[in-house]
């Protein structure tokens, strides 16, 4: 997937393609996570589609729920969705930062190798 320590640093074009690829993966994960939240709020909490979108977006973005939950099942779903959203957020940060972090670390390793006698 990425070049190894002994390989030269990837070109800017290759790096840009990696950033686009990993950003696309992140957007797909966001879409799936948002879809899970929308469907859960619609079918379990019996919210309208717009209210389901609003609540799922707010939870996924880390802002918190917007409306009162009418049933215990809705509260349980909201609890699990909030935990799931936190894990998705942490995972997405890793996915998006992976190409840049790898490039920076690879660059530091190249500098080390250039300095050895």
PDB file of N, CA and C in Angstrom:
ATOM      1  N   UNK A   1       0.834  -1.182   0.000  1.00  0.00           N
ATOM      2  CA  UNK A   1       0.000   0.000   0.000  1.00  0.00           C
ATOM      3  C   UNK A   1       0.885   1.253   0.000  1.00  0.00           C
ATOM      4  N   UNK A   2       1.757   1.377   1.004  1.00  0.00           N
ATOM      5  CA  UNK A   2       2.706   2.479   1.046  1.00  0.00           C
ATOM      6  C   UNK A   2       4.094   1.938   0.740  1.00  0.00           C
ATOM      7  N   UNK A   3       4.994   2.838   0.393  1.00  0.00           N
ATOM      8  CA  UNK A   3       6.363   2.403   0.141  1.00  0.00           C
ATOM      9  C   UNK A   3       7.040   2.023   1.456  1.00  0.00           C
ATOM     10  N   UNK A   4       7.988   1.108   1.360  1.00  0.00           N
ATOM     11  CA  UNK A   4       8.682   0.663   2.565  1.00  0.00           C
ATOM     12  C   UNK A   4       9.793   1.646   2.909  1.00  0.00           C
ATOM     13  N   UNK A   5      10.429   1.385   4.011  1.00  0.00           N
ATOM     14  CA  UNK A   5      11.475   2.279   4.511  1.00  0.00           C
ATOM     15  C   UNK A   5      12.648   2.399   3.529  1.00  0.00           C
ATOM     16  N   UNK A   6      12.929   1.334   2.830  1.00  0.00           N
ATOM     17  CA  UNK A   6      14.072   1.342   1.919  1.00  0.00           C
ATOM     18  C   UNK A   6      13.747   1.968   0.562  1.00  0.00           C
ATOM     19  N   UNK A   7      12.484   2.183   0.265  1.00  0.00           N
ATOM     20  CA  UNK A   7      12.085   2.787  -1.016  1.00  0.00           C
ATOM     21  C   UNK A   7      12.226   4.302  -0.958  1.00  0.00           C
ATOM     22  N   UNK A   8      12.401   4.939  -2.122  1.00  0.00           N
ATOM     23  CA  UNK A   8      12.447   6.407  -2.125  1.00  0.00           C
ATOM     24  C   UNK A   8      11.073   7.001  -1.808  1.00  0.00           C
ATOM     25  N   UNK A   9      11.076   8.260  -1.426  1.00  0.00           N
ATOM     26  CA  UNK A   9       9.835   8.969  -1.115  1.00  0.00           C
ATOM     27  C   UNK A   9       8.946   9.023  -2.356  1.00  0.00           C
ATOM     28  N   UNK A  10       7.674   8.763  -2.181  1.00  0.00           N
ATOM     29  CA  UNK A  10       6.731   8.776  -3.304  1.00  0.00           C
ATOM     30  C   UNK A  10       6.602  10.192  -3.869  1.00  0.00           C
ATOM     31  N   UNK A  11       6.283  10.271  -5.139  1.00  0.00           N
ATOM     32  CA  UNK A  11       6.128  11.579  -5.779  1.00  0.00           C
ATOM     33  C   UNK A  11       4.890  12.287  -5.226  1.00  0.00           C
ATOM     34  N   UNK A  12       4.820  13.564  -5.501  1.00  0.00           N
ATOM     35  CA  UNK A  12       3.655  14.344  -5.041  1.00  0.00           C
ATOM     36  C   UNK A  12       2.369  13.838  -5.690  1.00  0.00           C
ATOM     37  N   UNK A  13       2.462  13.387  -6.927  1.00  0.00           N
ATOM     38  CA  UNK A  13       1.292  12.856  -7.628  1.00  0.00           C
ATOM     39  C   UNK A  13       0.771  11.603  -6.928  1.00  0.00           C
ATOM     40  N   UNK A  14       1.664  10.699  -6.562  1.00  0.00           N
ATOM     41  CA  UNK A  14       1.277   9.477  -5.856  1.00  0.00           C
ATOM     42  C   UNK A  14       0.685   9.840  -4.497  1.00  0.00           C
ATOM     43  N   UNK A  15       1.306  10.790  -3.807  1.00  0.00           N
ATOM     44  CA  UNK A  15       0.792  11.237  -2.511  1.00  0.00           C
ATOM     45  C   UNK A  15      -0.603  11.844  -2.652  1.00  0.00           C
ATOM     46  N   UNK A  16      -0.807  12.680  -3.659  1.00  0.00           N
ATOM     47  CA  UNK A  16      -2.117  13.300  -3.883  1.00  0.00           C
ATOM     48  C   UNK A  16      -3.182  12.240  -4.160  1.00  0.00           C
ATOM     49  N   UNK A  17      -2.824  11.225  -4.957  1.00  0.00           N
ATOM     50  CA  UNK A  17      -3.774  10.139  -5.232  1.00  0.00           C
ATOM     51  C   UNK A  17      -4.128   9.400  -3.947  1.00  0.00           C
ATOM     52  N   UNK A  18      -3.148   9.181  -3.074  1.00  0.00           N
ATOM     53  CA  UNK A  18      -3.420   8.512  -1.790  1.00  0.00           C
ATOM     54  C   UNK A  18      -4.358   9.344  -0.931  1.00  0.00           C
ATOM     55  N   UNK A  19      -4.123  10.653  -0.877  1.00  0.00           N
ATOM     56  CA  UNK A  19      -4.984  11.520  -0.074  1.00  0.00           C
ATOM     57  C   UNK A  19      -6.413  11.471  -0.611  1.00  0.00           C
ATOM     58  N   UNK A  20      -6.571  11.518  -1.907  1.00  0.00           N
ATOM     59  CA  UNK A  20      -7.903  11.443  -2.510  1.00  0.00           C
ATOM     60  C   UNK A  20      -8.551  10.093  -2.212  1.00  0.00           C
ATOM     61  N   UNK A  21      -7.782   9.021  -2.331  1.00  0.00           N
ATOM     62  CA  UNK A  21      -8.310   7.675  -2.073  1.00  0.00           C
ATOM     63  C   UNK A  21      -8.776   7.539  -0.625  1.00  0.00           C
ATOM     64  N   UNK A  22      -7.947   7.967   0.312  1.00  0.00           N
ATOM     65  CA  UNK A  22      -8.305   7.820   1.718  1.00  0.00           C
ATOM     66  C   UNK A  22      -9.426   8.772   2.113  1.00  0.00           C
ATOM     67  N   UNK A  23      -9.487   9.951   1.502  1.00  0.00           N
ATOM     68  CA  UNK A  23     -10.599  10.868   1.759  1.00  0.00           C
ATOM     69  C   UNK A  23     -11.907  10.296   1.229  1.00  0.00           C
ATOM     70  N   UNK A  24     -11.848   9.633   0.086  1.00  0.00           N
ATOM     71  CA  UNK A  24     -13.034   8.983  -0.466  1.00  0.00           C
ATOM     72  C   UNK A  24     -13.520   7.868   0.456  1.00  0.00           C
ATOM     73  N   UNK A  25     -12.588   7.082   0.971  1.00  0.00           N
ATOM     74  CA  UNK A  25     -12.957   6.032   1.930  1.00  0.00           C
ATOM     75  C   UNK A  25     -13.623   6.653   3.148  1.00  0.00           C
ATOM     76  N   UNK A  26     -13.070   7.765   3.630  1.00  0.00           N
ATOM     77  CA  UNK A  26     -13.649   8.447   4.797  1.00  0.00           C
ATOM     78  C   UNK A  26     -15.065   8.933   4.493  1.00  0.00           C
ATOM     79  N   UNK A  27     -15.280   9.483   3.319  1.00  0.00           N
ATOM     80  CA  UNK A  27     -16.627   9.952   2.955  1.00  0.00           C
ATOM     81  C   UNK A  27     -17.620   8.801   2.863  1.00  0.00           C
ATOM     82  N   UNK A  28     -17.174   7.669   2.366  1.00  0.00           N
ATOM     83  CA  UNK A  28     -18.053   6.496   2.301  1.00  0.00           C
ATOM     84  C   UNK A  28     -18.423   6.033   3.705  1.00  0.00           C
ATOM     85  N   UNK A  29     -17.437   5.992   4.595  1.00  0.00           N
ATOM     86  CA  UNK A  29     -17.711   5.585   5.985  1.00  0.00           C
ATOM     87  C   UNK A  29     -18.677   6.568   6.643  1.00  0.00           C
ATOM     88  N   UNK A  30     -18.500   7.857   6.405  1.00  0.00           N
ATOM     89  CA  UNK A  30     -19.422   8.862   6.948  1.00  0.00           C
ATOM     90  C   UNK A  30     -20.824   8.635   6.411  1.00  0.00           C
ATOM     91  N   UNK A  31     -20.940   8.376   5.122  1.00  0.00           N
ATOM     92  CA  UNK A  31     -22.255   8.136   4.527  1.00  0.00           C
ATOM     93  C   UNK A  31     -22.953   6.923   5.125  1.00  0.00           C
ATOM     94  N   UNK A  32     -22.202   5.837   5.307  1.00  0.00           N
ATOM     95  CA  UNK A  32     -22.783   4.624   5.900  1.00  0.00           C
ATOM     96  C   UNK A  32     -23.201   4.886   7.346  1.00  0.00           C
ATOM     97  N   UNK A  33     -22.332   5.540   8.115  1.00  0.00           N
ATOM     98  CA  UNK A  33     -22.650   5.830   9.514  1.00  0.00           C
ATOM     99  C   UNK A  33     -23.856   6.762   9.623  1.00  0.00           C
ATOM    100  N   UNK A  34     -23.932   7.751   8.750  1.00  0.00           N
ATOM    101  CA  UNK A  34     -25.076   8.660   8.752  1.00  0.00           C
ATOM    102  C   UNK A  34     -26.349   7.916   8.359  1.00  0.00           C
ATOM    103  N   UNK A  35     -26.244   7.023   7.383  1.00  0.00           N
ATOM    104  CA  UNK A  35     -27.399   6.225   6.978  1.00  0.00           C
ATOM    105  C   UNK A  35     -27.917   5.349   8.107  1.00  0.00           C
ATOM    106  N   UNK A  36     -27.006   4.737   8.859  1.00  0.00           N
ATOM    107  CA  UNK A  36     -27.417   3.924  10.012  1.00  0.00           C
ATOM    108  C   UNK A  36     -28.177   4.779  11.012  1.00  0.00           C
ATOM    109  N   UNK A  37     -27.651   5.968  11.292  1.00  0.00           N
ATOM    110  CA  UNK A  37     -28.311   6.857  12.242  1.00  0.00           C
ATOM    111  C   UNK A  37     -29.674   7.325  11.766  1.00  0.00           C
ATOM    112  N   UNK A  38     -29.761   7.697  10.510  1.00  0.00           N
ATOM    113  CA  UNK A  38     -31.045   8.160   9.963  1.00  0.00           C
ATOM    114  C   UNK A  38     -32.090   7.062  10.042  1.00  0.00           C
ATOM    115  N   UNK A  39     -31.729   5.866   9.609  1.00  0.00           N
ATOM    116  CA  UNK A  39     -32.691   4.756   9.651  1.00  0.00           C
ATOM    117  C   UNK A  39     -33.081   4.403  11.077  1.00  0.00           C
ATOM    118  N   UNK A  40     -32.115   4.427  11.985  1.00  0.00           N
ATOM    119  CA  UNK A  40     -32.411   4.122  13.380  1.00  0.00           C
ATOM    120  C   UNK A  40     -33.360   5.127  14.004  1.00  0.00           C
ATOM    121  N   UNK A  41     -33.080   6.401  13.792  1.00  0.00           N
ATOM    122  CA  UNK A  41     -33.965   7.427  14.348  1.00  0.00           C
ATOM    123  C   UNK A  41     -35.346   7.395  13.692  1.00  0.00           C
ATOM    124  N   UNK A  42     -35.386   7.065  12.402  1.00  0.00           N
ATOM    125  CA  UNK A  42     -36.679   7.027  11.717  1.00  0.00           C
ATOM    126  C   UNK A  42     -37.522   5.842  12.179  1.00  0.00           C
ATOM    127  N   UNK A  43     -36.929   4.652  12.223  1.00  0.00           N
ATOM    128  CA  UNK A  43     -37.708   3.452  12.533  1.00  0.00           C
ATOM    129  C   UNK A  43     -37.832   3.170  14.032  1.00  0.00           C
ATOM    130  N   UNK A  44     -36.825   3.512  14.814  1.00  0.00           N
ATOM    131  CA  UNK A  44     -36.880   3.200  16.240  1.00  0.00           C
ATOM    132  C   UNK A  44     -37.481   4.354  17.033  1.00  0.00           C
ATOM    133  N   UNK A  45     -37.012   5.592  16.769  1.00  0.00           N
ATOM    134  CA  UNK A  45     -37.522   6.744  17.522  1.00  0.00           C
ATOM    135  C   UNK A  45     -38.772   7.344  16.891  1.00  0.00           C
ATOM    136  N   UNK A  46     -39.114   6.900  15.674  1.00  0.00           N
ATOM    137  CA  UNK A  46     -40.296   7.392  14.953  1.00  0.00           C
ATOM    138  C   UNK A  46     -40.234   8.894  14.668  1.00  0.00           C
ATOM    139  N   UNK A  47     -39.017   9.383  14.377  1.00  0.00           N
ATOM    140  CA  UNK A  47     -38.849  10.774  13.960  1.00  0.00           C
ATOM    141  C   UNK A  47     -39.166  10.885  12.478  1.00  0.00           C
ATOM    142  N   UNK A  48     -39.393  12.112  12.013  1.00  0.00           N
ATOM    143  CA  UNK A  48     -39.546  12.329  10.571  1.00  0.00           C
ATOM    144  C   UNK A  48     -38.173  12.161   9.918  1.00  0.00           C
ATOM    145  N   UNK A  49     -38.166  12.112   8.585  1.00  0.00           N
ATOM    146  CA  UNK A  49     -36.893  11.940   7.890  1.00  0.00           C
ATOM    147  C   UNK A  49     -35.945  13.105   8.170  1.00  0.00           C
ATOM    148  N   UNK A  50     -36.490  14.314   8.174  1.00  0.00           N
ATOM    149  CA  UNK A  50     -35.653  15.497   8.416  1.00  0.00           C
ATOM    150  C   UNK A  50     -35.120  15.500   9.849  1.00  0.00           C
ATOM    151  N   UNK A  51     -35.975  15.180  10.817  1.00  0.00           N
ATOM    152  CA  UNK A  51     -35.517  15.111  12.206  1.00  0.00           C
ATOM    153  C   UNK A  51     -34.519  13.975  12.403  1.00  0.00           C
ATOM    154  N   UNK A  52     -34.707  12.884  11.692  1.00  0.00           N
ATOM    155  CA  UNK A  52     -33.750  11.774  11.755  1.00  0.00           C
ATOM    156  C   UNK A  52     -32.398  12.192  11.208  1.00  0.00           C
ATOM    157  N   UNK A  53     -32.414  12.893  10.078  1.00  0.00           N
ATOM    158  CA  UNK A  53     -31.171  13.406   9.505  1.00  0.00           C
ATOM    159  C   UNK A  53     -30.493  14.379  10.458  1.00  0.00           C
ATOM    160  N   UNK A  54     -31.268  15.276  11.038  1.00  0.00           N
ATOM    161  CA  UNK A  54     -30.712  16.258  11.966  1.00  0.00           C
ATOM    162  C   UNK A  54     -30.074  15.586  13.173  1.00  0.00           C
ATOM    163  N   UNK A  55     -30.777  14.656  13.799  1.00  0.00           N
ATOM    164  CA  UNK A  55     -30.247  13.995  14.989  1.00  0.00           C
ATOM    165  C   UNK A  55     -29.024  13.146  14.653  1.00  0.00           C
ATOM    166  N   UNK A  56     -29.088  12.399  13.568  1.00  0.00           N
ATOM    167  CA  UNK A  56     -27.945  11.569  13.192  1.00  0.00           C
ATOM    168  C   UNK A  56     -26.731  12.438  12.865  1.00  0.00           C
ATOM    169  N   UNK A  57     -26.938  13.538  12.175  1.00  0.00           N
ATOM    170  CA  UNK A  57     -25.837  14.442  11.841  1.00  0.00           C
ATOM    171  C   UNK A  57     -25.239  15.078  13.086  1.00  0.00           C
ATOM    172  N   UNK A  58     -26.090  15.488  13.993  1.00  0.00           N
ATOM    173  CA  UNK A  58     -25.604  16.128  15.216  1.00  0.00           C
ATOM    174  C   UNK A  58     -24.816  15.143  16.075  1.00  0.00           C
ATOM    175  N   UNK A  59     -25.300  13.927  16.197  1.00  0.00           N
ATOM    176  CA  UNK A  59     -24.580  12.913  16.991  1.00  0.00           C
ATOM    177  C   UNK A  59     -23.258  12.561  16.301  1.00  0.00           C
ATOM    178  N   UNK A  60     -23.305  12.331  15.006  1.00  0.00           N
ATOM    179  CA  UNK A  60     -22.095  11.962  14.271  1.00  0.00           C
ATOM    180  C   UNK A  60     -21.060  13.080  14.303  1.00  0.00           C
ATOM    181  N   UNK A  61     -21.521  14.315  14.319  1.00  0.00           N
ATOM    182  CA  UNK A  61     -20.611  15.456  14.389  1.00  0.00           C
ATOM    183  C   UNK A  61     -20.151  15.789  15.794  1.00  0.00           C
ATOM    184  N   UNK A  62     -20.670  15.083  16.793  1.00  0.00           N
ATOM    185  CA  UNK A  62     -20.249  15.305  18.167  1.00  0.00           C
ATOM    186  C   UNK A  62     -20.991  16.395  18.895  1.00  0.00           C
ATOM    187  N   UNK A  63     -22.092  16.863  18.354  1.00  0.00           N
ATOM    188  CA  UNK A  63     -22.831  17.973  18.957  1.00  0.00           C
ATOM    189  C   UNK A  63     -23.882  17.526  19.967  1.00  0.00           C
ATOM    190  N   UNK A  64     -24.426  16.349  19.812  1.00  0.00           N
ATOM    191  CA  UNK A  64     -25.453  15.871  20.723  1.00  0.00           C
ATOM    192  C   UNK A  64     -26.816  15.840  20.068  1.00  0.00           C
ATOM    193  N   UNK A  65     -27.771  15.146  20.700  1.00  0.00           N
ATOM    194  CA  UNK A  65     -29.108  15.005  20.102  1.00  0.00           C
ATOM    195  C   UNK A  65     -29.896  16.310  20.155  1.00  0.00           C
ATOM    196  N   UNK A  66     -30.882  16.408  19.264  1.00  0.00           N
ATOM    197  CA  UNK A  66     -31.683  17.629  19.158  1.00  0.00           C
ATOM    198  C   UNK A  66     -33.087  17.502  19.740  1.00  0.00           C
ATOM    199  N   UNK A  67     -33.635  16.315  19.849  1.00  0.00           N
ATOM    200  CA  UNK A  67     -35.013  16.186  20.303  1.00  0.00           C
ATOM    201  C   UNK A  67     -35.133  15.207  21.451  1.00  0.00           C
ATOM    202  N   UNK A  68     -36.305  15.224  22.069  1.00  0.00           N
ATOM    203  CA  UNK A  68     -36.588  14.258  23.130  1.00  0.00           C
ATOM    204  C   UNK A  68     -36.876  12.901  22.502  1.00  0.00           C
ATOM    205  N   UNK A  69     -36.352  11.876  23.134  1.00  0.00           N
ATOM    206  CA  UNK A  69     -36.552  10.519  22.629  1.00  0.00           C
ATOM    207  C   UNK A  69     -37.803   9.935  23.283  1.00  0.00           C
ATOM    208  N   UNK A  70     -38.736   9.444  22.479  1.00  0.00           N
ATOM    209  CA  UNK A  70     -40.046   9.059  22.993  1.00  0.00           C
ATOM    210  C   UNK A  70     -40.114   7.725  23.728  1.00  0.00           C
ATOM    211  N   UNK A  71     -39.155   6.835  23.502  1.00  0.00           N
ATOM    212  CA  UNK A  71     -39.265   5.505  24.108  1.00  0.00           C
ATOM    213  C   UNK A  71     -37.911   5.039  24.624  1.00  0.00           C
ATOM    214  N   UNK A  72     -37.967   3.976  25.421  1.00  0.00           N
ATOM    215  CA  UNK A  72     -36.727   3.403  25.926  1.00  0.00           C
ATOM    216  C   UNK A  72     -35.893   2.803  24.794  1.00  0.00           C
ATOM    217  N   UNK A  73     -36.556   2.213  23.816  1.00  0.00           N
ATOM    218  CA  UNK A  73     -35.823   1.639  22.674  1.00  0.00           C
ATOM    219  C   UNK A  73     -35.069   2.742  21.923  1.00  0.00           C
ATOM    220  N   UNK A  74     -35.690   3.893  21.775  1.00  0.00           N
ATOM    221  CA  UNK A  74     -35.039   5.020  21.102  1.00  0.00           C
ATOM    222  C   UNK A  74     -33.847   5.511  21.907  1.00  0.00           C
ATOM    223  N   UNK A  75     -33.965   5.512  23.210  1.00  0.00           N
ATOM    224  CA  UNK A  75     -32.856   5.948  24.064  1.00  0.00           C
ATOM    225  C   UNK A  75     -31.692   4.963  24.000  1.00  0.00           C
ATOM    226  N   UNK A  76     -31.996   3.686  23.964  1.00  0.00           N
ATOM    227  CA  UNK A  76     -30.937   2.677  23.842  1.00  0.00           C
ATOM    228  C   UNK A  76     -30.243   2.818  22.487  1.00  0.00           C
ATOM    229  N   UNK A  77     -31.032   2.986  21.419  1.00  0.00           N
ATOM    230  CA  UNK A  77     -30.437   3.188  20.102  1.00  0.00           C
ATOM    231  C   UNK A  77     -29.553   4.424  20.098  1.00  0.00           C
ATOM    232  N   UNK A  78     -30.035   5.533  20.648  1.00  0.00           N
ATOM    233  CA  UNK A  78     -29.264   6.773  20.668  1.00  0.00           C
ATOM    234  C   UNK A  78     -27.961   6.596  21.444  1.00  0.00           C
ATOM    235  N   UNK A  79     -27.995   5.820  22.514  1.00  0.00           N
ATOM    236  CA  UNK A  79     -26.783   5.565  23.298  1.00  0.00           C
ATOM    237  C   UNK A  79     -25.760   4.794  22.478  1.00  0.00           C
ATOM    238  N   UNK A  80     -26.204   3.719  21.844  1.00  0.00           N
ATOM    239  CA  UNK A  80     -25.284   2.928  21.043  1.00  0.00           C
ATOM    240  C   UNK A  80     -24.800   3.693  19.810  1.00  0.00           C
ATOM    241  N   UNK A  81     -25.679   4.488  19.231  1.00  0.00           N
ATOM    242  CA  UNK A  81     -25.264   5.273  18.064  1.00  0.00           C
ATOM    243  C   UNK A  81     -24.236   6.331  18.453  1.00  0.00           C
ATOM    244  N   UNK A  82     -24.379   6.915  19.624  1.00  0.00           N
ATOM    245  CA  UNK A  82     -23.403   7.897  20.091  1.00  0.00           C
ATOM    246  C   UNK A  82     -22.036   7.242  20.301  1.00  0.00           C
ATOM    247  N   UNK A  83     -22.016   6.062  20.902  1.00  0.00           N
ATOM    248  CA  UNK A  83     -20.744   5.342  21.089  1.00  0.00           C
ATOM    249  C   UNK A  83     -20.137   4.954  19.735  1.00  0.00           C
ATOM    250  N   UNK A  84     -20.980   4.463  18.849  1.00  0.00           N
ATOM    251  CA  UNK A  84     -20.543   4.102  17.503  1.00  0.00           C
ATOM    252  C   UNK A  84     -19.973   5.317  16.773  1.00  0.00           C
ATOM    253  N   UNK A  85     -20.629   6.457  16.918  1.00  0.00           N
ATOM    254  CA  UNK A  85     -20.176   7.675  16.244  1.00  0.00           C
ATOM    255  C   UNK A  85     -18.821   8.121  16.763  1.00  0.00           C
ATOM    256  N   UNK A  86     -18.585   7.965  18.049  1.00  0.00           N
ATOM    257  CA  UNK A  86     -17.281   8.309  18.598  1.00  0.00           C
ATOM    258  C   UNK A  86     -16.175   7.448  18.020  1.00  0.00           C
ATOM    259  N   UNK A  87     -16.447   6.161  17.885  1.00  0.00           N
ATOM    260  CA  UNK A  87     -15.458   5.256  17.290  1.00  0.00           C
ATOM    261  C   UNK A  87     -15.251   5.555  15.808  1.00  0.00           C
ATOM    262  N   UNK A  88     -16.317   5.909  15.118  1.00  0.00           N
ATOM    263  CA  UNK A  88     -16.201   6.276  13.701  1.00  0.00           C
ATOM    264  C   UNK A  88     -15.330   7.518  13.565  1.00  0.00           C
ATOM    265  N   UNK A  89     -15.537   8.495  14.438  1.00  0.00           N
ATOM    266  CA  UNK A  89     -14.744   9.726  14.380  1.00  0.00           C
ATOM    267  C   UNK A  89     -13.259   9.430  14.567  1.00  0.00           C
ATOM    268  N   UNK A  90     -12.923   8.638  15.563  1.00  0.00           N
ATOM    269  CA  UNK A  90     -11.526   8.290  15.817  1.00  0.00           C
ATOM    270  C   UNK A  90     -10.938   7.537  14.618  1.00  0.00           C
ATOM    271  N   UNK A  91     -11.705   6.618  14.065  1.00  0.00           N
ATOM    272  CA  UNK A  91     -11.237   5.855  12.902  1.00  0.00           C
ATOM    273  C   UNK A  91     -11.018   6.756  11.692  1.00  0.00           C
ATOM    274  N   UNK A  92     -11.927   7.706  11.484  1.00  0.00           N
ATOM    275  CA  UNK A  92     -11.809   8.594  10.332  1.00  0.00           C
ATOM    276  C   UNK A  92     -10.591   9.499  10.443  1.00  0.00           C
ATOM    277  N   UNK A  93     -10.282   9.934  11.641  1.00  0.00           N
ATOM    278  CA  UNK A  93      -9.078  10.748  11.820  1.00  0.00           C
ATOM    279  C   UNK A  93      -7.854   9.942  11.398  1.00  0.00           C
ATOM    280  N   UNK A  94      -7.800   8.681  11.801  1.00  0.00           N
ATOM    281  CA  UNK A  94      -6.685   7.826  11.400  1.00  0.00           C
ATOM    282  C   UNK A  94      -6.634   7.594   9.906  1.00  0.00           C
ATOM    283  N   UNK A  95      -7.793   7.376   9.296  1.00  0.00           N
ATOM    284  CA  UNK A  95      -7.842   7.128   7.850  1.00  0.00           C
ATOM    285  C   UNK A  95      -7.377   8.357   7.068  1.00  0.00           C
ATOM    286  N   UNK A  96      -7.848   9.531   7.458  1.00  0.00           N
ATOM    287  CA  UNK A  96      -7.527  10.749   6.723  1.00  0.00           C
ATOM    288  C   UNK A  96      -6.066  11.162   6.934  1.00  0.00           C
ATOM    289  N   UNK A  97      -5.553  10.960   8.131  1.00  0.00           N
ATOM    290  CA  UNK A  97      -4.186  11.388   8.419  1.00  0.00           C
ATOM    291  C   UNK A  97      -3.120  10.356   8.031  1.00  0.00           C
ATOM    292  N   UNK A  98      -3.508   9.145   7.710  1.00  0.00           N
ATOM    293  CA  UNK A  98      -2.541   8.086   7.418  1.00  0.00           C
ATOM    294  C   UNK A  98      -1.561   8.448   6.302  1.00  0.00           C
ATOM    295  N   UNK A  99      -2.004   8.953   5.152  1.00  0.00           N
ATOM    296  CA  UNK A  99      -1.025   9.266   4.103  1.00  0.00           C
ATOM    297  C   UNK A  99      -0.016  10.346   4.527  1.00  0.00           C
ATOM    298  N   UNK A 100      -0.499  11.393   5.189  1.00  0.00           N
ATOM    299  CA  UNK A 100       0.400  12.475   5.602  1.00  0.00           C
ATOM    300  C   UNK A 100       1.354  12.006   6.694  1.00  0.00           C
ATOM    301  N   UNK A 101       0.853  11.235   7.650  1.00  0.00           N
ATOM    302  CA  UNK A 101       1.709  10.730   8.718  1.00  0.00           C
ATOM    303  C   UNK A 101       2.773   9.795   8.152  1.00  0.00           C
ATOM    304  N   UNK A 102       2.377   8.931   7.224  1.00  0.00           N
ATOM    305  CA  UNK A 102       3.351   8.017   6.619  1.00  0.00           C
ATOM    306  C   UNK A 102       4.396   8.794   5.842  1.00  0.00           C
ATOM    307  N   UNK A 103       3.969   9.780   5.093  1.00  0.00           N
ATOM    308  CA  UNK A 103       4.928  10.563   4.301  1.00  0.00           C
ATOM    309  C   UNK A 103       5.908  11.291   5.211  1.00  0.00           C
ATOM    310  N   UNK A 104       5.416  11.886   6.298  1.00  0.00           N
ATOM    311  CA  UNK A 104       6.296  12.604   7.229  1.00  0.00           C
ATOM    312  C   UNK A 104       7.301  11.645   7.868  1.00  0.00           C
ATOM    313  N   UNK A 105       6.832  10.499   8.336  1.00  0.00           N
ATOM    314  CA  UNK A 105       7.738   9.531   8.956  1.00  0.00           C
ATOM    315  C   UNK A 105       8.747   8.989   7.946  1.00  0.00           C
ATOM    316  N   UNK A 106       8.288   8.748   6.735  1.00  0.00           N
ATOM    317  CA  UNK A 106       9.192   8.253   5.697  1.00  0.00           C
ATOM    318  C   UNK A 106      10.260   9.305   5.388  1.00  0.00           C
ATOM    319  N   UNK A 107       9.853  10.564   5.345  1.00  0.00           N
ATOM    320  CA  UNK A 107      10.789  11.656   5.086  1.00  0.00           C
ATOM    321  C   UNK A 107      11.836  11.733   6.190  1.00  0.00           C
ATOM    322  N   UNK A 108      11.434  11.571   7.452  1.00  0.00           N
ATOM    323  CA  UNK A 108      12.383  11.591   8.568  1.00  0.00           C
ATOM    324  C   UNK A 108      13.356  10.418   8.484  1.00  0.00           C
ATOM    325  N   UNK A 109      12.873   9.269   8.075  1.00  0.00           N
ATOM    326  CA  UNK A 109      13.759   8.108   7.922  1.00  0.00           C
ATOM    327  C   UNK A 109      14.768   8.350   6.802  1.00  0.00           C
ATOM    328  N   UNK A 110      14.358   8.984   5.731  1.00  0.00           N
ATOM    329  CA  UNK A 110      15.280   9.285   4.651  1.00  0.00           C
ATOM    330  C   UNK A 110      16.363  10.249   5.120  1.00  0.00           C
ATOM    331  N   UNK A 111      15.990  11.241   5.926  1.00  0.00           N
ATOM    332  CA  UNK A 111      16.971  12.174   6.458  1.00  0.00           C
ATOM    333  C   UNK A 111      17.985  11.464   7.333  1.00  0.00           C
ATOM    334  N   UNK A 112      17.526  10.502   8.142  1.00  0.00           N
ATOM    335  CA  UNK A 112      18.429   9.729   9.001  1.00  0.00           C
ATOM    336  C   UNK A 112      19.433   8.949   8.159  1.00  0.00           C
ATOM    337  N   UNK A 113      18.950   8.307   7.111  1.00  0.00           N
ATOM    338  CA  UNK A 113      19.823   7.492   6.274  1.00  0.00           C
ATOM    339  C   UNK A 113      20.841   8.341   5.540  1.00  0.00           C
ATOM    340  N   UNK A 114      20.487   9.566   5.175  1.00  0.00           N
ATOM    341  CA  UNK A 114      21.413  10.461   4.475  1.00  0.00           C
ATOM    342  C   UNK A 114      22.540  10.920   5.393  1.00  0.00           C
ATOM    343  N   UNK A 115      22.302  10.959   6.702  1.00  0.00           N
ATOM    344  CA  UNK A 115      23.291  11.454   7.638  1.00  0.00           C
ATOM    345  C   UNK A 115      24.265  10.383   8.122  1.00  0.00           C
ATOM    346  N   UNK A 116      23.949   9.110   7.881  1.00  0.00           N
ATOM    347  CA  UNK A 116      24.852   8.053   8.350  1.00  0.00           C
ATOM    348  C   UNK A 116      26.091   8.012   7.466  1.00  0.00           C
ATOM    349  N   UNK A 117      27.313   7.813   8.078  1.00  0.00           N
ATOM    350  CA  UNK A 117      28.543   7.826   7.276  1.00  0.00           C
ATOM    351  C   UNK A 117      28.702   6.592   6.419  1.00  0.00           C
TER     352      UNK A 117
END
